N, C-alpha and C. Protein backbone atom coordinates (compact mmCIF):
# COMPACT_ATOMS: atom_id res chain seq x y z
N MET A 1 35.06 39.00 23.25
CA MET A 1 34.48 37.80 22.68
C MET A 1 34.34 36.73 23.75
N PRO A 2 33.29 35.92 23.65
CA PRO A 2 33.10 34.86 24.64
C PRO A 2 34.14 33.75 24.49
N LYS A 3 34.35 33.09 25.59
CA LYS A 3 35.31 31.99 25.60
C LYS A 3 34.72 30.78 24.87
N ASN A 4 35.52 30.09 24.10
CA ASN A 4 35.06 28.95 23.32
C ASN A 4 35.05 27.70 24.20
N LYS A 5 33.86 27.30 24.67
CA LYS A 5 33.74 26.14 25.54
C LYS A 5 33.03 24.97 24.85
N GLY A 6 32.55 25.18 23.64
CA GLY A 6 31.74 24.17 22.97
C GLY A 6 32.54 23.00 22.44
N LYS A 7 31.82 21.97 22.09
CA LYS A 7 32.45 20.77 21.55
C LYS A 7 32.24 20.66 20.04
N GLY A 8 31.53 21.58 19.44
CA GLY A 8 31.30 21.50 18.01
C GLY A 8 29.84 21.76 17.68
N GLY A 9 29.49 21.47 16.46
CA GLY A 9 28.14 21.74 15.99
C GLY A 9 27.18 20.59 16.26
N LYS A 10 26.16 20.54 15.44
CA LYS A 10 25.11 19.54 15.60
C LYS A 10 25.61 18.13 15.28
N ASN A 11 26.66 18.04 14.49
CA ASN A 11 27.11 16.73 14.04
C ASN A 11 27.65 15.87 15.18
N ARG A 12 28.08 16.47 16.26
CA ARG A 12 28.62 15.68 17.37
C ARG A 12 27.52 14.89 18.06
N ARG A 13 26.28 15.33 17.91
CA ARG A 13 25.16 14.64 18.55
C ARG A 13 24.83 13.33 17.85
N ARG A 14 25.20 13.23 16.58
CA ARG A 14 24.90 12.03 15.82
C ARG A 14 25.82 10.90 16.25
N GLY A 15 25.26 9.76 16.43
CA GLY A 15 26.05 8.60 16.80
C GLY A 15 25.80 7.47 15.83
N LYS A 16 26.58 6.42 15.95
CA LYS A 16 26.39 5.26 15.09
C LYS A 16 25.18 4.47 15.55
N ASN A 17 24.46 3.94 14.58
CA ASN A 17 23.31 3.10 14.88
C ASN A 17 23.80 1.67 15.01
N GLU A 18 24.22 1.28 16.20
CA GLU A 18 24.87 0.00 16.40
C GLU A 18 23.94 -1.09 16.91
N ASN A 19 22.66 -0.85 16.97
CA ASN A 19 21.75 -1.86 17.48
C ASN A 19 21.24 -2.79 16.39
N GLU A 20 21.86 -2.77 15.21
CA GLU A 20 21.43 -3.62 14.11
C GLU A 20 21.63 -5.10 14.42
N SER A 21 22.76 -5.45 15.01
CA SER A 21 23.06 -6.85 15.27
C SER A 21 22.40 -7.34 16.56
N GLU A 22 21.87 -6.43 17.34
CA GLU A 22 21.27 -6.79 18.62
C GLU A 22 19.92 -7.46 18.40
N LYS A 23 19.75 -8.66 18.95
CA LYS A 23 18.49 -9.39 18.82
C LYS A 23 17.49 -8.85 19.83
N ARG A 24 16.25 -8.69 19.39
CA ARG A 24 15.20 -8.26 20.30
C ARG A 24 14.15 -9.36 20.40
N GLU A 25 13.36 -9.27 21.43
CA GLU A 25 12.32 -10.27 21.65
C GLU A 25 11.22 -10.10 20.61
N LEU A 26 10.72 -11.21 20.10
CA LEU A 26 9.69 -11.17 19.08
C LEU A 26 8.36 -10.71 19.69
N VAL A 27 7.77 -9.70 19.08
CA VAL A 27 6.53 -9.11 19.59
C VAL A 27 5.36 -9.66 18.76
N PHE A 28 4.39 -10.26 19.44
CA PHE A 28 3.20 -10.78 18.79
C PHE A 28 2.07 -9.76 18.91
N LYS A 29 1.06 -9.90 18.03
CA LYS A 29 -0.06 -8.95 18.07
C LYS A 29 -0.97 -9.23 19.26
N GLU A 30 -1.60 -8.17 19.73
CA GLU A 30 -2.55 -8.25 20.83
C GLU A 30 -3.91 -7.78 20.32
N ASP A 31 -4.86 -7.63 21.22
CA ASP A 31 -6.17 -7.13 20.83
C ASP A 31 -6.03 -5.69 20.34
N GLY A 32 -6.67 -5.38 19.24
CA GLY A 32 -6.60 -4.03 18.68
C GLY A 32 -5.37 -3.81 17.82
N GLN A 33 -4.64 -4.88 17.51
CA GLN A 33 -3.46 -4.79 16.65
C GLN A 33 -3.59 -5.80 15.52
N GLU A 34 -2.87 -5.55 14.44
CA GLU A 34 -2.94 -6.44 13.28
C GLU A 34 -1.60 -6.39 12.54
N TYR A 35 -1.26 -7.51 11.88
CA TYR A 35 -0.09 -7.55 11.01
C TYR A 35 -0.48 -7.02 9.64
N ALA A 36 0.46 -6.35 8.97
CA ALA A 36 0.18 -5.81 7.65
C ALA A 36 1.45 -5.79 6.82
N GLN A 37 1.27 -5.66 5.51
CA GLN A 37 2.40 -5.53 4.59
C GLN A 37 2.25 -4.20 3.85
N VAL A 38 3.34 -3.46 3.77
CA VAL A 38 3.32 -2.12 3.17
C VAL A 38 3.14 -2.25 1.66
N ILE A 39 2.15 -1.54 1.13
CA ILE A 39 1.89 -1.53 -0.31
C ILE A 39 2.59 -0.34 -0.95
N LYS A 40 2.39 0.85 -0.36
CA LYS A 40 2.90 2.06 -0.98
C LYS A 40 3.24 3.08 0.09
N MET A 41 4.38 3.75 -0.09
CA MET A 41 4.74 4.86 0.78
C MET A 41 4.12 6.12 0.20
N LEU A 42 3.40 6.86 1.03
CA LEU A 42 2.67 8.04 0.56
C LEU A 42 3.39 9.34 0.87
N GLY A 43 4.35 9.32 1.77
CA GLY A 43 5.03 10.54 2.17
C GLY A 43 4.34 11.18 3.35
N ASN A 44 5.01 12.14 3.96
CA ASN A 44 4.48 12.87 5.11
C ASN A 44 4.17 11.93 6.28
N GLY A 45 4.98 10.87 6.44
CA GLY A 45 4.79 9.95 7.55
C GLY A 45 3.58 9.05 7.41
N ARG A 46 3.13 8.82 6.18
CA ARG A 46 1.97 7.98 5.95
C ARG A 46 2.31 6.88 4.96
N LEU A 47 1.57 5.80 5.02
CA LEU A 47 1.76 4.70 4.08
C LEU A 47 0.45 3.96 3.90
N GLU A 48 0.38 3.20 2.84
CA GLU A 48 -0.79 2.37 2.59
C GLU A 48 -0.37 0.93 2.81
N ALA A 49 -1.14 0.20 3.61
CA ALA A 49 -0.79 -1.17 3.96
C ALA A 49 -1.99 -2.09 3.77
N MET A 50 -1.67 -3.31 3.37
CA MET A 50 -2.69 -4.35 3.25
C MET A 50 -2.59 -5.24 4.47
N CYS A 51 -3.61 -5.20 5.30
CA CYS A 51 -3.61 -5.99 6.52
C CYS A 51 -3.93 -7.44 6.18
N PHE A 52 -3.46 -8.35 7.01
CA PHE A 52 -3.69 -9.76 6.75
C PHE A 52 -5.09 -10.21 7.16
N ASP A 53 -5.93 -9.27 7.61
CA ASP A 53 -7.34 -9.58 7.79
C ASP A 53 -8.15 -9.20 6.54
N GLY A 54 -7.44 -8.74 5.48
CA GLY A 54 -8.08 -8.47 4.20
C GLY A 54 -8.50 -7.04 3.98
N VAL A 55 -8.14 -6.12 4.87
CA VAL A 55 -8.56 -4.72 4.75
C VAL A 55 -7.34 -3.87 4.39
N ARG A 56 -7.53 -2.97 3.42
CA ARG A 56 -6.47 -2.03 3.04
C ARG A 56 -6.64 -0.78 3.90
N ARG A 57 -5.55 -0.37 4.59
CA ARG A 57 -5.65 0.75 5.53
C ARG A 57 -4.58 1.81 5.24
N LEU A 58 -4.94 3.05 5.56
CA LEU A 58 -4.01 4.17 5.54
C LEU A 58 -3.37 4.25 6.92
N CYS A 59 -2.05 4.14 6.97
CA CYS A 59 -1.36 4.07 8.26
C CYS A 59 -0.49 5.30 8.46
N HIS A 60 -0.37 5.69 9.71
CA HIS A 60 0.42 6.84 10.12
C HIS A 60 1.62 6.33 10.91
N ILE A 61 2.83 6.76 10.53
CA ILE A 61 4.03 6.34 11.24
C ILE A 61 4.18 7.22 12.47
N ARG A 62 4.19 6.61 13.63
CA ARG A 62 4.26 7.38 14.87
C ARG A 62 5.64 8.00 15.04
N GLY A 63 5.70 9.00 15.90
CA GLY A 63 6.91 9.80 16.07
C GLY A 63 8.12 9.03 16.56
N LYS A 64 7.91 7.97 17.32
CA LYS A 64 9.03 7.18 17.83
C LYS A 64 9.78 6.47 16.70
N LEU A 65 9.05 6.11 15.64
CA LEU A 65 9.66 5.41 14.51
C LEU A 65 10.15 6.35 13.43
N ARG A 66 9.61 7.54 13.38
CA ARG A 66 9.91 8.45 12.29
C ARG A 66 11.37 8.88 12.31
N LYS A 67 12.04 8.77 11.18
CA LYS A 67 13.45 9.11 10.97
C LYS A 67 14.41 8.24 11.77
N LYS A 68 13.90 7.21 12.43
CA LYS A 68 14.76 6.27 13.14
C LYS A 68 14.66 4.89 12.51
N VAL A 69 13.44 4.48 12.17
CA VAL A 69 13.20 3.19 11.54
C VAL A 69 12.67 3.47 10.14
N TRP A 70 13.42 3.04 9.13
CA TRP A 70 13.03 3.31 7.76
C TRP A 70 12.17 2.17 7.24
N ILE A 71 10.98 2.51 6.79
CA ILE A 71 10.00 1.54 6.31
C ILE A 71 9.94 1.64 4.79
N ASN A 72 9.97 0.48 4.12
CA ASN A 72 9.91 0.41 2.67
C ASN A 72 8.72 -0.44 2.25
N THR A 73 8.44 -0.45 0.95
CA THR A 73 7.35 -1.28 0.45
C THR A 73 7.69 -2.75 0.66
N SER A 74 6.68 -3.54 0.87
CA SER A 74 6.72 -4.99 1.13
C SER A 74 7.29 -5.35 2.49
N ASP A 75 7.50 -4.38 3.38
CA ASP A 75 7.91 -4.68 4.75
C ASP A 75 6.70 -5.16 5.55
N ILE A 76 6.97 -6.04 6.51
CA ILE A 76 5.92 -6.51 7.42
C ILE A 76 5.93 -5.61 8.65
N ILE A 77 4.76 -5.08 9.00
CA ILE A 77 4.66 -4.15 10.13
C ILE A 77 3.54 -4.59 11.06
N LEU A 78 3.58 -4.09 12.27
CA LEU A 78 2.51 -4.29 13.24
C LEU A 78 1.81 -2.95 13.39
N ILE A 79 0.50 -2.95 13.23
CA ILE A 79 -0.24 -1.69 13.30
C ILE A 79 -1.26 -1.76 14.43
N GLY A 80 -1.54 -0.60 14.99
CA GLY A 80 -2.58 -0.46 16.01
C GLY A 80 -3.84 0.06 15.36
N LEU A 81 -4.92 -0.68 15.48
CA LEU A 81 -6.19 -0.28 14.88
C LEU A 81 -6.85 0.82 15.69
N ARG A 82 -7.59 1.68 15.02
CA ARG A 82 -8.31 2.75 15.69
C ARG A 82 -9.75 2.31 15.90
N ASP A 83 -10.28 2.61 17.09
CA ASP A 83 -11.66 2.23 17.39
C ASP A 83 -12.66 3.03 16.58
N TYR A 84 -12.34 4.27 16.32
CA TYR A 84 -13.29 5.18 15.68
C TYR A 84 -13.11 5.27 14.17
N GLN A 85 -12.00 4.75 13.61
CA GLN A 85 -11.78 4.77 12.17
C GLN A 85 -11.21 3.41 11.76
N ASP A 86 -12.01 2.63 11.07
CA ASP A 86 -11.57 1.28 10.70
C ASP A 86 -10.57 1.30 9.55
N ASN A 87 -10.64 2.30 8.67
CA ASN A 87 -9.76 2.32 7.51
C ASN A 87 -8.44 3.05 7.78
N LYS A 88 -8.19 3.47 9.02
CA LYS A 88 -6.93 4.12 9.37
C LYS A 88 -6.31 3.41 10.56
N ALA A 89 -4.96 3.45 10.62
CA ALA A 89 -4.25 2.77 11.70
C ALA A 89 -2.92 3.47 11.95
N ASP A 90 -2.23 3.05 13.01
CA ASP A 90 -0.94 3.62 13.38
C ASP A 90 0.12 2.52 13.38
N VAL A 91 1.28 2.81 12.80
CA VAL A 91 2.37 1.83 12.76
C VAL A 91 3.02 1.77 14.14
N ILE A 92 3.07 0.58 14.70
CA ILE A 92 3.66 0.38 16.02
C ILE A 92 5.08 -0.15 15.92
N LEU A 93 5.31 -1.08 14.98
CA LEU A 93 6.59 -1.78 14.93
C LEU A 93 6.85 -2.26 13.52
N LYS A 94 8.12 -2.25 13.11
CA LYS A 94 8.53 -2.83 11.84
C LYS A 94 9.33 -4.09 12.14
N TYR A 95 8.96 -5.19 11.49
CA TYR A 95 9.69 -6.44 11.65
C TYR A 95 10.77 -6.54 10.59
N ASN A 96 11.97 -7.01 10.99
CA ASN A 96 12.98 -7.28 9.97
C ASN A 96 12.68 -8.64 9.34
N ALA A 97 13.46 -9.03 8.34
CA ALA A 97 13.14 -10.24 7.58
C ALA A 97 13.19 -11.50 8.44
N ASP A 98 14.15 -11.59 9.36
CA ASP A 98 14.25 -12.77 10.22
C ASP A 98 13.04 -12.88 11.14
N GLU A 99 12.62 -11.75 11.71
CA GLU A 99 11.45 -11.76 12.59
C GLU A 99 10.19 -12.13 11.82
N ALA A 100 10.08 -11.63 10.58
CA ALA A 100 8.90 -11.95 9.77
C ALA A 100 8.87 -13.44 9.42
N ARG A 101 10.04 -14.02 9.13
CA ARG A 101 10.10 -15.46 8.87
C ARG A 101 9.70 -16.26 10.11
N SER A 102 10.11 -15.78 11.28
CA SER A 102 9.73 -16.45 12.52
C SER A 102 8.22 -16.37 12.74
N LEU A 103 7.63 -15.21 12.47
CA LEU A 103 6.18 -15.06 12.60
C LEU A 103 5.45 -16.01 11.66
N LYS A 104 5.98 -16.17 10.46
CA LYS A 104 5.37 -17.07 9.49
C LYS A 104 5.50 -18.52 9.97
N ALA A 105 6.64 -18.86 10.56
CA ALA A 105 6.85 -20.22 11.07
C ALA A 105 5.92 -20.51 12.25
N TYR A 106 5.64 -19.51 13.09
CA TYR A 106 4.74 -19.68 14.22
C TYR A 106 3.27 -19.72 13.79
N GLY A 107 3.00 -19.40 12.53
CA GLY A 107 1.62 -19.41 12.05
C GLY A 107 0.89 -18.10 12.28
N GLU A 108 1.60 -17.06 12.66
CA GLU A 108 0.98 -15.75 12.87
C GLU A 108 0.67 -15.07 11.53
N LEU A 109 1.53 -15.27 10.54
CA LEU A 109 1.32 -14.70 9.21
C LEU A 109 0.81 -15.80 8.29
N PRO A 110 -0.04 -15.46 7.31
CA PRO A 110 -0.53 -16.49 6.38
C PRO A 110 0.59 -16.98 5.45
N GLU A 111 0.36 -18.13 4.84
CA GLU A 111 1.38 -18.74 3.98
C GLU A 111 1.65 -17.92 2.72
N HIS A 112 0.65 -17.17 2.25
CA HIS A 112 0.83 -16.40 1.01
C HIS A 112 1.60 -15.11 1.23
N ALA A 113 1.96 -14.79 2.45
CA ALA A 113 2.70 -13.55 2.73
C ALA A 113 4.12 -13.66 2.17
N LYS A 114 4.51 -12.67 1.36
CA LYS A 114 5.84 -12.65 0.78
C LYS A 114 6.74 -11.80 1.66
N ILE A 115 7.83 -12.39 2.10
CA ILE A 115 8.74 -11.71 3.01
C ILE A 115 10.00 -11.32 2.25
N ASN A 116 10.39 -10.06 2.38
CA ASN A 116 11.63 -9.55 1.81
C ASN A 116 11.69 -9.72 0.30
N GLU A 117 10.56 -9.56 -0.36
CA GLU A 117 10.51 -9.63 -1.81
C GLU A 117 9.83 -8.37 -2.31
N THR A 118 10.43 -7.76 -3.32
CA THR A 118 9.79 -6.58 -3.89
C THR A 118 9.15 -6.96 -5.21
N ASP A 119 8.01 -6.40 -5.46
CA ASP A 119 7.24 -6.69 -6.66
C ASP A 119 7.75 -5.93 -7.86
N THR A 120 8.55 -4.89 -7.64
CA THR A 120 8.92 -4.01 -8.74
C THR A 120 9.75 -4.74 -9.78
N PHE A 121 10.64 -5.64 -9.36
CA PHE A 121 11.46 -6.37 -10.31
C PHE A 121 10.59 -7.28 -11.17
N ALA A 122 9.63 -7.94 -10.57
CA ALA A 122 8.72 -8.81 -11.33
C ALA A 122 7.90 -7.99 -12.32
N ARG A 123 7.45 -6.81 -11.90
CA ARG A 123 6.70 -5.95 -12.82
C ARG A 123 7.57 -5.53 -13.99
N TYR A 124 8.85 -5.20 -13.73
CA TYR A 124 9.77 -4.79 -14.79
C TYR A 124 9.98 -5.93 -15.77
N ILE A 125 10.19 -7.14 -15.28
CA ILE A 125 10.41 -8.29 -16.15
C ILE A 125 9.16 -8.56 -16.99
N SER A 126 7.98 -8.52 -16.37
CA SER A 126 6.76 -8.82 -17.12
C SER A 126 6.50 -7.76 -18.18
N SER A 127 6.75 -6.48 -17.87
CA SER A 127 6.53 -5.44 -18.88
C SER A 127 7.54 -5.56 -20.00
N SER A 128 8.80 -5.90 -19.69
CA SER A 128 9.81 -6.09 -20.73
C SER A 128 9.46 -7.28 -21.61
N LEU A 129 8.94 -8.33 -21.00
CA LEU A 129 8.55 -9.52 -21.76
C LEU A 129 7.39 -9.20 -22.69
N LYS A 130 6.42 -8.41 -22.21
CA LYS A 130 5.30 -8.03 -23.06
C LYS A 130 5.77 -7.22 -24.26
N ILE A 131 6.70 -6.30 -24.03
CA ILE A 131 7.23 -5.47 -25.12
C ILE A 131 7.97 -6.35 -26.12
N ALA A 132 8.79 -7.28 -25.62
CA ALA A 132 9.55 -8.16 -26.51
C ALA A 132 8.62 -9.04 -27.33
N LEU A 133 7.57 -9.59 -26.71
CA LEU A 133 6.62 -10.42 -27.44
C LEU A 133 5.86 -9.61 -28.48
N HIS A 134 5.52 -8.37 -28.14
CA HIS A 134 4.82 -7.51 -29.08
C HIS A 134 5.72 -7.21 -30.28
N ASN A 135 6.99 -6.89 -30.02
CA ASN A 135 7.93 -6.61 -31.11
C ASN A 135 8.13 -7.85 -31.98
N TRP A 136 8.22 -9.03 -31.37
CA TRP A 136 8.38 -10.26 -32.12
C TRP A 136 7.17 -10.52 -33.00
N ASP A 137 5.97 -10.25 -32.48
CA ASP A 137 4.75 -10.43 -33.25
C ASP A 137 4.73 -9.49 -34.44
N LEU A 138 5.18 -8.25 -34.24
CA LEU A 138 5.24 -7.30 -35.35
C LEU A 138 6.24 -7.75 -36.40
N ASP A 139 7.38 -8.31 -35.98
CA ASP A 139 8.39 -8.80 -36.92
C ASP A 139 7.84 -9.96 -37.74
N VAL A 140 7.10 -10.86 -37.11
CA VAL A 140 6.51 -12.00 -37.82
C VAL A 140 5.49 -11.51 -38.84
N GLN A 141 4.68 -10.53 -38.45
CA GLN A 141 3.70 -9.98 -39.39
C GLN A 141 4.40 -9.30 -40.56
N LEU A 142 5.47 -8.59 -40.29
CA LEU A 142 6.21 -7.91 -41.35
C LEU A 142 6.83 -8.91 -42.30
N LEU A 143 7.40 -9.99 -41.78
CA LEU A 143 8.00 -11.02 -42.63
C LEU A 143 6.95 -11.71 -43.49
N SER A 144 5.77 -11.95 -42.94
CA SER A 144 4.73 -12.62 -43.72
C SER A 144 4.22 -11.72 -44.84
N LYS A 145 4.25 -10.42 -44.65
CA LYS A 145 3.78 -9.49 -45.69
C LYS A 145 4.83 -9.31 -46.78
N THR A 146 6.10 -9.42 -46.44
CA THR A 146 7.17 -9.16 -47.41
C THR A 146 7.81 -10.45 -47.91
N SER A 147 7.04 -11.50 -48.03
CA SER A 147 7.61 -12.77 -48.48
C SER A 147 7.70 -12.84 -50.00
N PHE A 148 7.22 -11.85 -50.71
CA PHE A 148 7.28 -11.74 -52.17
C PHE A 148 6.63 -12.93 -52.86
N GLY A 149 5.55 -13.41 -52.28
CA GLY A 149 4.80 -14.48 -52.91
C GLY A 149 5.43 -15.85 -52.74
N MET A 150 6.49 -15.98 -51.96
CA MET A 150 7.13 -17.28 -51.77
C MET A 150 6.37 -18.05 -50.70
N CYS A 151 6.39 -19.33 -50.82
CA CYS A 151 5.71 -20.19 -49.85
C CYS A 151 6.59 -20.33 -48.61
N MET A 152 6.02 -20.13 -47.43
CA MET A 152 6.80 -20.19 -46.19
C MET A 152 7.10 -21.63 -45.80
N THR A 153 6.28 -22.60 -46.26
CA THR A 153 6.49 -23.99 -45.87
C THR A 153 7.41 -24.72 -46.83
N CYS A 154 7.72 -24.14 -47.99
CA CYS A 154 8.55 -24.83 -48.99
C CYS A 154 10.01 -24.78 -48.64
């Protein structure tokens, strides 16, 4: 049998991701780049983003970011535009919430850009409110039908 010289399996290669607290220099857009906000994650390294120039684009997450930087809906990203396909782009960088606030303060992002807010909670509240109002309306209609001829104002 061969001599055991190894240090273990694949798990030893994994290390802690300790660069979270490390501040990096703020990267601004250049020619051929645009800021965007993620609308929907499509899977397979692709996402749909609404660019701040008003165009909705299908974006591809490049290999450097894949499985290292996790992108979610409503994140602010920097994308590289393609010369030959206007409706497709490549994700270059993901901004964290502090960097996105700084970009907004510098005037790079428009005022209507929502940073670090997810729409799903608002959608849930509005749908619950619609259901509650509908149920209340049905209860009022039921009470008015079963009043047994009594006057409601008396």
